Structure formats: C-alpha cells, structure tokens
Protein backbone atom coordinates (compact mmCIF):
# COMPACT_ATOMS: atom_id res chain seq x y z
CA MET A 1 -26.06 -16.24 -0.22
CA SER A 2 -24.44 -12.84 0.84
CA VAL A 3 -20.93 -12.06 -0.54
CA ARG A 4 -17.98 -12.86 1.79
CA VAL A 5 -14.51 -12.02 0.79
CA ARG A 6 -11.21 -12.31 2.61
CA PHE A 7 -7.93 -10.49 2.76
CA ALA A 8 -5.35 -13.01 4.00
CA PRO A 9 -1.81 -11.70 4.27
CA SER A 10 1.26 -13.53 5.59
CA PRO A 11 2.86 -11.16 8.07
CA THR A 12 6.48 -12.06 7.09
CA GLY A 13 7.88 -8.77 5.90
CA ALA A 14 6.85 -5.42 4.50
CA MET A 15 3.56 -4.95 2.89
CA HIS A 16 3.96 -4.38 -0.88
CA VAL A 17 1.75 -2.92 -3.62
CA GLY A 18 0.37 -6.29 -4.60
CA ASN A 19 -0.91 -6.85 -1.00
CA LEU A 20 -2.42 -3.44 -0.90
CA ARG A 21 -4.17 -3.89 -4.25
CA THR A 22 -5.57 -7.17 -3.14
CA ALA A 23 -6.92 -5.82 0.03
CA LEU A 24 -8.40 -2.74 -1.76
CA PHE A 25 -10.21 -4.80 -4.49
CA ASN A 26 -11.72 -7.09 -1.89
CA ARG A 27 -13.01 -4.10 -0.05
CA LEU A 28 -14.41 -2.54 -3.20
CA PHE A 29 -16.06 -5.87 -4.14
CA ALA A 30 -17.60 -6.36 -0.74
CA LEU A 31 -18.97 -2.80 -0.68
CA ARG A 32 -20.31 -3.02 -4.31
CA HIS A 33 -22.21 -6.21 -3.46
CA GLY A 34 -23.23 -5.34 0.10
CA GLY A 35 -20.96 -8.03 1.62
CA THR A 36 -18.41 -8.76 4.13
CA LEU A 37 -14.62 -8.38 4.22
CA ILE A 38 -12.81 -10.90 6.60
CA LEU A 39 -9.32 -10.30 7.74
CA ARG A 40 -7.25 -13.48 8.23
CA ILE A 41 -3.67 -13.56 9.25
CA GLU A 42 -1.99 -16.60 7.65
CA ASP A 43 0.66 -17.11 10.28
CA THR A 44 1.31 -20.82 10.41
CA ASP A 45 5.01 -20.31 9.40
CA ARG A 46 6.03 -19.19 13.04
CA ALA A 47 9.55 -19.11 12.07
CA ARG A 48 9.08 -16.33 9.68
CA HIS A 49 6.23 -14.58 11.41
CA ASP A 50 7.01 -10.96 12.23
CA PRO A 51 4.73 -9.32 14.88
CA LEU A 52 5.72 -5.93 13.65
CA ALA A 53 4.74 -6.70 10.11
CA GLU A 54 1.38 -7.82 11.30
CA ARG A 55 0.77 -4.56 13.26
CA THR A 56 1.94 -2.51 10.23
CA ILE A 57 -0.59 -4.39 8.12
CA LEU A 58 -3.43 -3.68 10.50
CA ASP A 59 -2.33 -0.03 10.81
CA ALA A 60 -2.34 0.51 7.06
CA LEU A 61 -5.62 -1.06 6.47
CA THR A 62 -7.21 1.25 9.22
CA ARG A 63 -5.52 4.44 8.15
CA LEU A 64 -6.17 3.95 4.51
CA GLY A 65 -9.81 3.41 5.09
CA ILE A 66 -9.91 -0.14 3.85
CA GLY A 67 -10.46 -1.96 7.23
CA TRP A 68 -12.28 -5.06 7.63
CA ASP A 69 -15.67 -6.36 8.87
CA GLU A 70 -14.70 -9.49 10.69
CA GLY A 71 -11.36 -10.55 12.27
CA PRO A 72 -8.63 -10.60 12.42
CA TYR A 73 -8.44 -14.30 12.63
CA ARG A 74 -5.19 -16.01 13.09
CA GLN A 75 -4.38 -19.36 11.62
CA SER A 76 -1.91 -20.05 14.46
CA GLU A 77 -5.10 -20.07 16.83
CA ARG A 78 -6.99 -22.53 14.58
CA LEU A 79 -4.70 -25.56 14.40
CA ASP A 80 -7.41 -27.95 15.80
CA LEU A 81 -9.63 -27.14 12.83
CA TYR A 82 -6.90 -28.18 10.46
CA ARG A 83 -6.06 -31.31 12.27
CA ASP A 84 -9.84 -32.30 12.30
CA ALA A 85 -9.92 -31.85 8.54
CA VAL A 86 -6.86 -34.08 8.07
CA GLU A 87 -8.42 -36.75 10.01
CA ARG A 88 -11.64 -36.58 8.05
CA LEU A 89 -9.71 -36.88 4.70
CA ALA A 90 -7.69 -39.73 6.21
CA ALA A 91 -10.72 -41.57 7.30
CA ASP A 92 -12.20 -41.22 3.76
CA GLY A 93 -8.96 -42.49 2.22
CA LYS A 94 -8.25 -39.26 0.43
CA VAL A 95 -4.95 -38.54 2.04
CA TYR A 96 -1.90 -40.81 2.77
CA ARG A 97 1.24 -40.73 4.56
CA CYS A 98 4.34 -39.90 2.59
CA PHE A 99 7.63 -40.81 4.10
CA CYS A 100 9.94 -39.82 1.22
CA THR A 101 13.03 -37.96 2.20
CA GLU A 102 14.05 -34.75 0.45
CA GLY A 103 16.70 -36.49 -1.33
CA GLU A 104 14.31 -38.96 -2.71
CA LEU A 105 11.80 -36.17 -3.78
CA GLU A 106 14.65 -34.20 -5.53
CA SER A 107 15.84 -37.23 -7.27
CA ASP A 108 12.30 -38.00 -8.59
CA ARG A 109 11.86 -34.33 -9.71
CA ALA A 110 15.29 -34.42 -11.61
CA ALA A 111 14.19 -37.64 -13.33
CA ALA A 112 10.88 -36.20 -14.43
CA VAL A 113 12.49 -33.07 -15.86
CA ALA A 114 15.23 -35.26 -17.71
CA ALA A 115 12.17 -37.20 -19.37
CA GLY A 116 10.47 -34.01 -20.49
CA LYS A 117 7.67 -34.39 -17.81
CA PRO A 118 6.34 -32.05 -15.16
CA PRO A 119 8.39 -32.42 -11.90
CA ARG A 120 5.37 -33.93 -10.00
CA TYR A 121 5.44 -36.38 -7.17
CA SER A 122 5.90 -39.93 -8.38
CA GLY A 123 3.34 -41.38 -5.87
CA ARG A 124 5.85 -43.94 -4.45
CA CYS A 125 4.25 -43.88 -1.02
CA ARG A 126 0.51 -44.34 -2.04
CA THR A 127 0.76 -48.10 -1.31
CA THR A 128 3.54 -48.08 1.36
CA PRO A 129 2.12 -49.38 4.74
CA PRO A 130 3.03 -47.28 7.62
CA SER A 131 4.24 -50.26 9.43
CA ASN A 132 7.05 -50.64 6.84
CA VAL A 133 8.68 -47.34 8.06
CA GLY A 134 8.23 -47.22 11.76
CA ASP A 135 8.56 -43.78 13.30
CA ALA A 136 10.01 -41.92 10.24
CA PRO A 137 8.70 -38.46 9.76
CA PHE A 138 5.99 -38.06 7.10
CA VAL A 139 3.62 -35.61 5.39
CA TRP A 140 0.06 -36.10 4.52
CA ARG A 141 -0.43 -36.08 0.74
CA PHE A 142 -3.72 -35.64 -1.03
CA MET A 143 -4.53 -38.14 -3.66
CA THR A 144 -5.46 -36.21 -6.80
CA GLY A 145 -5.90 -39.02 -9.44
CA ASP A 146 -5.49 -38.10 -12.97
CA ARG A 147 -8.11 -35.76 -14.29
CA PRO A 148 -8.70 -32.20 -15.60
CA VAL A 149 -9.84 -29.52 -13.35
CA SER A 150 -11.64 -26.54 -14.85
CA PHE A 151 -13.21 -23.37 -13.39
CA ASP A 152 -14.51 -20.06 -14.54
CA ASP A 153 -12.24 -17.17 -13.34
CA GLY A 154 -13.99 -13.89 -12.95
CA VAL A 155 -10.93 -12.07 -14.55
CA ARG A 156 -9.36 -14.72 -16.77
CA GLY A 157 -12.43 -16.73 -17.89
CA ASN A 158 -12.38 -20.40 -18.28
CA VAL A 159 -9.15 -21.99 -17.00
CA THR A 160 -8.29 -25.65 -17.12
CA PHE A 161 -5.51 -27.51 -15.33
CA SER A 162 -4.51 -31.37 -15.44
CA SER A 163 -3.97 -32.96 -12.04
CA ALA A 164 -1.22 -34.86 -13.95
CA ASP A 165 0.81 -31.73 -13.97
CA PHE A 166 1.19 -31.44 -10.21
CA GLY A 167 0.29 -34.86 -8.94
CA ASP A 168 -0.42 -35.73 -5.25
CA PHE A 169 0.37 -32.76 -3.01
CA PRO A 170 1.16 -32.37 0.69
CA VAL A 171 -1.53 -30.87 3.03
CA ALA A 172 -0.21 -31.29 6.44
CA ARG A 173 2.79 -32.52 8.51
CA SER A 174 2.75 -35.61 10.74
CA ASP A 175 1.76 -33.47 13.76
CA GLY A 176 -1.38 -32.28 11.86
CA SER A 177 -0.01 -28.69 11.34
CA PRO A 178 -1.22 -27.60 8.04
CA LEU A 179 0.77 -26.34 4.92
CA PHE A 180 -0.42 -23.04 3.44
CA LEU A 181 -2.59 -24.26 0.52
CA PHE A 182 -4.59 -26.67 2.73
CA ALA A 183 -5.09 -24.19 5.76
CA SER A 184 -6.32 -21.54 3.26
CA ALA A 185 -8.96 -23.94 1.74
CA VAL A 186 -10.12 -25.12 5.10
CA ASP A 187 -10.38 -21.54 6.37
CA ASP A 188 -12.39 -20.44 3.14
CA ALA A 189 -14.76 -23.27 3.71
CA GLU A 190 -15.23 -22.63 7.38
CA MET A 191 -15.63 -18.92 6.89
CA ARG A 192 -18.10 -19.47 4.03
CA ILE A 193 -16.04 -17.37 1.53
CA THR A 194 -18.07 -16.85 -1.58
CA ASP A 195 -15.46 -15.07 -3.67
CA VAL A 196 -11.49 -15.31 -3.54
CA ILE A 197 -9.80 -12.23 -5.02
CA ARG A 198 -5.99 -12.62 -5.16
CA GLY A 199 -2.96 -12.32 -7.34
CA GLU A 200 -2.49 -14.51 -10.33
CA ASP A 201 0.66 -15.95 -8.63
CA HIS A 202 -1.86 -18.09 -6.71
CA LEU A 203 -3.62 -19.33 -9.96
CA SER A 204 -1.84 -22.74 -9.85
CA ASN A 205 -3.11 -23.12 -6.29
CA THR A 206 -6.73 -23.14 -7.39
CA PRO A 207 -7.16 -26.57 -8.80
CA ARG A 208 -5.68 -28.26 -5.70
CA GLN A 209 -8.00 -26.29 -3.53
CA LEU A 210 -11.01 -27.07 -5.69
CA MET A 211 -10.09 -30.74 -5.19
CA LEU A 212 -9.95 -30.19 -1.48
CA PHE A 213 -13.29 -28.48 -1.36
CA GLU A 214 -14.80 -31.43 -3.24
CA ALA A 215 -13.08 -33.93 -0.81
CA LEU A 216 -14.27 -32.13 2.23
CA GLY A 217 -17.93 -31.89 0.73
CA VAL A 218 -18.18 -28.23 0.87
CA PRO A 219 -19.08 -25.53 -1.94
CA ALA A 220 -16.11 -23.86 -3.66
CA PRO A 221 -15.86 -20.13 -3.77
CA ARG A 222 -15.71 -18.22 -7.14
CA TYR A 223 -12.07 -17.28 -8.01
CA HIS A 224 -10.82 -13.88 -9.42
CA HIS A 225 -7.09 -13.75 -10.22
CA LEU A 226 -5.61 -10.22 -10.56
CA PRO A 227 -2.87 -9.53 -13.18
CA ILE A 228 0.78 -9.27 -12.19
CA ILE A 229 2.24 -5.84 -11.49
CA VAL A 230 5.30 -4.97 -13.46
CA ASP A 231 7.93 -2.16 -13.31
CA ASP A 232 8.92 0.35 -15.99
CA GLU A 233 10.90 -2.35 -17.80
CA GLY A 234 7.91 -4.71 -17.94
CA LYS A 235 9.51 -6.98 -15.34
CA LYS A 236 7.51 -8.48 -12.47
CA LEU A 237 7.56 -6.07 -9.63
CA SER A 238 9.82 -7.46 -6.94
CA LYS A 239 9.00 -7.16 -3.19
CA ARG A 240 12.12 -5.06 -3.05
CA LYS A 241 10.77 -2.54 -5.53
CA GLY A 242 7.16 -2.93 -4.51
CA ALA A 243 7.39 -2.74 -0.78
CA ILE A 244 5.72 0.52 -0.60
CA ASP A 245 5.00 0.34 3.14
CA PRO A 246 1.55 2.19 3.09
CA ALA A 247 2.10 3.42 6.65
CA ALA A 248 5.36 5.02 5.62
CA LEU A 249 3.74 6.68 2.68
CA LEU A 250 1.05 8.12 4.99
CA ASP A 251 3.66 9.39 7.34
CA GLU A 252 5.57 10.99 4.48
CA GLY A 253 2.52 13.12 3.59
CA PHE A 254 0.51 11.09 1.05
CA LEU A 255 -3.27 11.30 1.62
CA PRO A 256 -5.18 7.90 1.76
CA GLU A 257 -7.42 8.86 -1.18
CA SER A 258 -4.25 9.38 -3.37
CA ILE A 259 -2.73 6.01 -2.45
CA VAL A 260 -5.83 3.92 -2.92
CA THR A 261 -6.82 5.59 -6.15
CA GLY A 262 -3.36 5.07 -7.60
CA VAL A 263 -3.46 1.40 -6.54
CA ALA A 264 -6.93 0.98 -7.88
CA LEU A 265 -5.63 1.85 -11.35
CA LEU A 266 -3.33 -1.19 -11.42
CA GLY A 267 -5.52 -3.38 -13.67
CA TRP A 268 -8.85 -1.52 -13.41
CA ALA A 269 -9.94 1.16 -15.85
CA GLY A 270 -13.17 1.96 -14.14
CA ILE A 271 -11.87 5.28 -12.98
CA ASP A 272 -9.92 7.72 -15.09
CA GLY A 273 -7.21 8.59 -12.56
CA LYS A 274 -7.54 12.29 -13.05
CA GLU A 275 -8.69 12.71 -9.48
CA ALA A 276 -8.43 11.03 -6.27
CA LEU A 277 -11.53 9.24 -4.98
CA ASN A 278 -12.52 7.80 -1.63
CA ILE A 279 -13.26 4.08 -1.35
CA GLU A 280 -17.02 4.54 -1.27
CA GLU A 281 -16.98 6.44 -4.45
CA MET A 282 -14.88 3.79 -6.26
CA ALA A 283 -17.00 1.04 -4.88
CA THR A 284 -20.06 2.25 -6.70
CA ARG A 285 -18.27 1.84 -10.07
CA PHE A 286 -16.35 -1.21 -9.31
CA ASP A 287 -16.74 -4.33 -11.58
CA ILE A 288 -14.37 -7.30 -11.06
CA GLY A 289 -15.16 -8.34 -14.64
CA ALA A 290 -13.65 -5.18 -15.95
CA VAL A 291 -10.15 -6.05 -14.41
CA SER A 292 -7.55 -6.54 -17.05
CA ARG A 293 -5.87 -9.77 -17.56
CA SER A 294 -2.74 -8.04 -18.84
CA PRO A 295 0.16 -7.10 -16.55
CA SER A 296 -0.33 -3.57 -14.85
CA ARG A 297 2.63 -1.14 -14.66
CA TYR A 298 3.27 0.25 -11.13
CA ASP A 299 3.05 4.04 -11.53
CA PHE A 300 4.23 5.74 -8.50
CA PRO A 301 4.31 9.31 -10.14
CA ARG A 302 0.53 8.96 -10.56
CA ILE A 303 0.16 8.62 -6.94
CA ASP A 304 2.40 11.60 -6.52
CA HIS A 305 0.33 13.66 -8.93
CA LEU A 306 -3.07 12.67 -7.51
CA ASN A 307 -1.73 13.92 -4.00
CA VAL A 308 -0.67 17.21 -5.40
CA THR A 309 -4.26 17.61 -7.09
CA LEU A 310 -6.22 16.44 -4.07
CA LEU A 311 -4.28 18.88 -1.73
CA LYS A 312 -5.19 21.84 -4.08
CA GLU A 313 -8.74 20.76 -4.81
CA THR A 314 -9.57 20.20 -1.04
CA GLY A 315 -8.14 23.60 -0.13
CA GLY A 316 -5.68 21.82 2.30
CA ALA A 317 -8.47 20.74 4.49
CA SER A 318 -6.34 17.77 5.70
CA LEU A 319 -3.76 20.33 6.96
CA VAL A 320 -5.92 22.10 9.47
CA PRO A 321 -5.87 19.21 11.95
CA LEU A 322 -2.23 18.67 11.10
CA PHE A 323 -1.46 22.24 12.25
CA ALA A 324 -3.33 21.87 15.42
CA ALA A 325 -1.52 18.50 16.22
CA HIS A 326 1.80 20.46 15.90
CA GLY A 327 0.45 23.26 18.15
CA LEU A 328 0.67 25.86 15.36
CA THR A 329 -1.24 29.15 15.65
CA PHE A 330 -1.07 32.12 13.40
CA GLY A 331 -2.05 35.09 15.50
CA GLY A 332 -5.19 36.51 13.87
CA ILE A 333 -4.85 34.52 10.69
CA ASP A 334 -7.44 31.93 9.97
CA PRO A 335 -5.68 28.43 9.86
CA VAL A 336 -7.93 27.63 7.00
CA THR A 337 -6.39 30.48 4.96
CA VAL A 338 -2.89 29.34 5.85
CA ALA A 339 -3.93 25.70 4.90
CA ARG A 340 -5.18 26.83 1.43
CA LEU A 341 -2.03 28.72 0.65
CA VAL A 342 0.34 25.98 1.85
CA ALA A 343 -1.65 23.38 -0.22
CA GLY A 344 -0.96 25.28 -3.31
CA THR A 345 2.68 25.00 -2.97
CA VAL A 346 3.51 21.62 -1.47
CA LYS A 347 3.29 18.07 -2.80
CA ARG A 348 2.76 16.23 0.56
CA THR A 349 1.51 17.03 3.91
CA ASP A 350 4.90 16.29 5.52
CA GLU A 351 6.08 19.43 3.66
CA ALA A 352 3.40 21.63 5.11
CA ILE A 353 4.57 22.22 8.57
CA PRO A 354 7.93 23.90 7.62
CA PHE A 355 5.87 26.16 5.20
CA ALA A 356 3.15 26.89 7.71
CA LEU A 357 5.63 27.88 10.23
CA GLN A 358 6.59 30.81 7.93
CA PHE A 359 3.21 32.09 8.57
CA ALA A 360 3.22 31.45 12.31
CA ARG A 361 6.25 33.48 13.41
CA PRO A 362 9.62 34.86 12.39
CA LEU A 363 12.24 32.14 12.05
CA PRO A 364 15.96 32.62 12.61
CA PRO A 365 17.89 32.18 9.33
CA ASP A 366 18.96 28.71 8.52
CA ASP A 367 22.60 28.39 7.12
CA GLU A 368 21.55 28.94 3.39
CA ALA A 369 19.48 32.05 4.24
CA ALA A 370 22.26 33.44 6.51
CA ALA A 371 24.85 33.08 3.88
CA LEU A 372 22.72 34.83 1.27
CA LEU A 373 21.81 37.74 3.68
CA ALA A 374 25.54 38.23 4.36
CA ASP A 375 25.89 39.60 0.88
CA PRO A 376 25.87 43.44 0.87
CA ALA A 377 23.61 43.44 -2.33
CA ALA A 378 21.08 41.41 -0.31
CA ARG A 379 21.18 43.86 2.45
CA GLY A 380 20.43 46.64 0.13
CA VAL A 381 17.34 44.91 -1.23
CA VAL A 382 16.00 44.36 2.31
CA GLU A 383 16.53 47.87 3.59
CA ALA A 384 14.88 49.19 0.51
CA ALA A 385 11.91 46.86 1.06
CA LEU A 386 11.64 48.07 4.68
CA ASP A 387 11.39 51.68 3.55
CA ALA A 388 8.23 50.74 1.41
CA VAL A 389 6.60 48.03 3.23
CA GLY A 390 3.63 50.05 4.31
CA GLY A 391 2.56 50.27 0.68
CA GLY A 392 2.13 46.50 0.02
CA TYR A 393 3.76 43.92 -2.21
CA ASP A 394 3.93 45.82 -5.38
CA ALA A 395 5.37 48.91 -3.72
CA VAL A 396 7.96 46.81 -1.99
CA ILE A 397 9.13 45.12 -5.12
CA GLU A 398 9.20 48.39 -7.12
CA SER A 399 11.13 50.13 -4.30
CA SER A 400 13.74 47.38 -4.00
CA ARG A 401 14.13 47.04 -7.72
CA SER A 402 14.58 50.90 -8.45
CA LYS A 403 16.98 51.45 -5.52
CA THR A 404 19.20 48.50 -5.97
CA GLY A 405 18.81 47.43 -9.63
CA ALA A 406 18.19 43.79 -8.44
CA LYS A 407 15.73 41.52 -10.26
CA GLY A 408 14.79 37.95 -10.54
CA LYS A 409 16.36 35.74 -7.87
CA ALA A 410 18.61 38.56 -6.75
CA LEU A 411 15.51 40.40 -5.81
CA PHE A 412 13.16 37.83 -4.47
CA ALA A 413 15.53 35.65 -2.59
CA PRO A 414 16.88 38.13 -0.06
CA LEU A 415 13.32 39.22 0.61
CA ARG A 416 12.17 35.66 1.26
CA ALA A 417 15.23 35.03 3.47
CA ALA A 418 14.79 38.15 5.52
CA LEU A 419 10.98 37.46 6.22
CA THR A 420 11.10 33.80 6.68
CA GLY A 421 14.68 32.57 7.34
CA ARG A 422 14.41 30.20 4.51
CA LEU A 423 15.07 30.16 0.65
CA THR A 424 11.96 28.01 -0.05
CA GLY A 425 8.46 28.40 1.04
CA PRO A 426 4.91 29.61 0.09
CA ASN A 427 4.36 32.14 -2.60
CA LEU A 428 6.00 35.35 -1.56
CA LYS A 429 2.93 37.50 -2.54
CA ASP A 430 0.80 35.21 -0.55
CA LEU A 431 3.05 35.89 2.56
CA PHE A 432 2.73 39.71 2.06
CA ASP A 433 -1.12 39.57 1.50
CA THR A 434 -1.60 37.46 4.61
CA LEU A 435 0.76 38.71 7.22
CA GLY A 436 0.04 42.29 6.80
CA SER A 437 2.24 45.49 6.82
CA ALA A 438 2.91 45.49 10.62
CA ALA A 439 4.18 41.81 10.72
CA LEU A 440 6.12 42.30 7.59
CA ALA A 441 7.86 45.47 8.99
CA GLU A 442 8.60 43.59 12.22
CA ARG A 443 10.35 40.74 10.46
CA LEU A 444 12.36 42.90 8.03
CA SER A 445 13.47 45.15 11.01
CA LEU A 446 14.77 42.00 12.84
CA THR A 447 16.86 41.17 9.88
CA VAL A 448 18.27 44.85 9.58
CA ASN A 449 18.84 44.99 13.40
CA ARG A 450 20.95 41.77 13.14
CA TRP A 451 23.20 43.53 10.84
CA ARG A 452 23.52 46.60 12.95
CA SER A 453 24.03 44.73 16.37
C-alpha cells in the first residue's frame, strides 16, 4: 500500500513552530517514500475557527514549498461521515449515551484524585436507560473496557497504555457532531492514512484512536510522535514564544530554504545545519527512525545564520526578481552584480531594497546623514574626495586623508553620506568600483552644491 500521510491543523490562531515542523516532516516522509500528503483542516470547533488563520496556513505551506497533494479537506464539510460512524458504533453497542452533568463529572474526577486514582470517567451512565432521563443533553461515550493497548511508535519504540487510565471517553455530541479525537480517527480511516506523524502531545490520544479503528473494523495507521520543542531554558515552547508565523518570516526577508532547514533540525540530525537545503534535498536523507526522542531546542539564531549564508552562497539570486518587483533599475549596471554585492552585506531580503537603492540613484540625505554632513570637518573630506574622484577609490581615500587628517569613521562616514544619503549600506569600495567615476563625481557634486546654494 502506498504511503499516505496528513497534516491536519486546527485554524484557531497563529501557526507556530511545532505546526510547521509537523507539516515539514510529513512532506519529507511522503517524498522519501513516494507517497501522498493530504491537507485536512480540523475546523469542527466553529466558535474558535479563524478564516484568516486558515488562509495564513495555506499561504505559508505554499510559499515554503511544502504544499500538499490532496485537499484541503475541511471537517466542517464532512459531518455526515461522523454521524454515520457514531450510528454504526451505537448499533454495535460500542458507544452509549452519557447524561452526566459537568458538576457530576467534576465531582467524580475530584473523588478519583483524592483516592490516588487517575481522574477517569466513572462509567455511571453505562447502564442508564435513556428513558430515565428524557430529553436531557448527552454525549456519546466509547466503551473501552479494561485492557492494555500497545503499539510500536516510529520514534519512541514500543508504547503501552492501560485503558483503565482514561476510561470511557466521549466521541460525539447528541446531534452527532464529533469531538476532535473521534473526527480525526474517522478521517484517518476514510482517507486511508498509513502513517500519522504528529507531536508527542498527541501521544495519549493514540490508544483511544486505536480502539476506535478496531471498533470500526479498519486498519490502524502507524504512529510517529515527534519530541516536544523547548526554549533556551529547557521549558516547553509556548505558543506565545513559538508562534513564528512563517508568512511573516518570509515577508521579513527569510528565504524558504533557511526556514525549513532550521525547522528540520528540531529533532532530526540527518543534516548538519551548516547550509540551507531545499525540501527535495532533505527528503532524500530523511529517516523518521532517526528522529530523536529527546526535547528539541528552538534555535532561531540558526535560521538567521542559515539565511545569511544562503544569500551569500547564491550570489543574491533571489534578490534580482525582488529588484524587478520594486521597479529598480541601475542604469548600465547588471542587476545580478548589484544583487551579489548587496547579498554580501545584508542578513535578510527585506534589507536589500534600501541597499540596492544606493546603487540605483542618488538619494537625498536622511536626518542622520544630513546632521553629519553639516559638520565642517565632513565637508572638507567630501570636497577633497571630489578633487580626486577620477583616480578611483584608493586615490580618493588618500586625498581625503592627506588633506584633512581624517581617518576611520571620520573619513569613511562623510563619504558614504555624501554618495548615498545614508550612514549604512553596501561596502564603500563596492560602490566606487560599480558606479564609476562619472556617477561618483555627480553625487559628490550634488552634495557640495547643496552647501553652496
């Protein structure tokens, strides 16, 4: 049977790093085994469903190159499927109506904890005839019995639970609308999912879902539970800290390969992390059995480093279409040359446009540059540079130094401010070598003429 995996987010808020790793590992697993990745939106909680969050998830998967092969399927559009499954289980006597109030359930939980037992459901409604409760609201509960449930996890090895630890669990409301755990199992069965790759916070759901597969008479998928992600202090990464919003990272100038490589390193050592890789390259090396059981530390600086390295290694190839999208032209200068020079001095693509503008045209000084150029000492440096500009970079530096005695920042900052209108930007020698003496003289003259006007 061909491999079929799924990524099944609940669109109730910002996408966080755990979501992204789950999606990525499912994609890598599918590619490694020539399988299919299904996208399923688990949106049965309509009160918390956020359409914007759903669109953000789909956008991030597309822009990061993870994508999906089937879907998206939405659970809110599949309610008849879940009702049919409940009816089948009811007809087989495997679920029963539970009319307990929340107060009764809380009282039972408190009593169990006081007795040193797991806070499981007491089973009080197993034998209560529906005729005794009239039209009282109820939930359907699955009858678990009292037995061990074992399975071989692809990451954690053999895992065993006792049904006595969790007892009879709810699967649907009186109107047949499903609870999360039940809908997920029914969908996995109907979609013929062969492997479930998800975070270990879902580990305790697995024995319940295995019981449901058995009761429904369908084969169970293989399970692979990924380790938790922790922060620098070793604490579980909260959604607040881990809500990286991949779309925002892309907008801020992180390249897709940098993001997915950094995320792939969260629990998997199949790559060394020295260079950013695309998804296809990672998939050829991916082994779910090599994923660590130990917690993984979220290392955002690694993503930052990968991005800097990738920009330099690719010669800024990703910047050329960005320049075009912003309508930047550079006279007779090849945009590829500008991209290469800019890539060597920026960390993210969102920093590239301000730097590229310095090659494109003279810019009026911003407040910091204007304040610096108002200093008479800075004026002396610029005027000396204009006198020697035809001789190139070395001649300009030597002329300005010998005529004014300026050195270090006092020498280079006025030159940059006069040429670009900014105090930060590409390497100053790169600007000289690329722009040429005519353009340099024009820019320096503009600055000098401002003083004389």
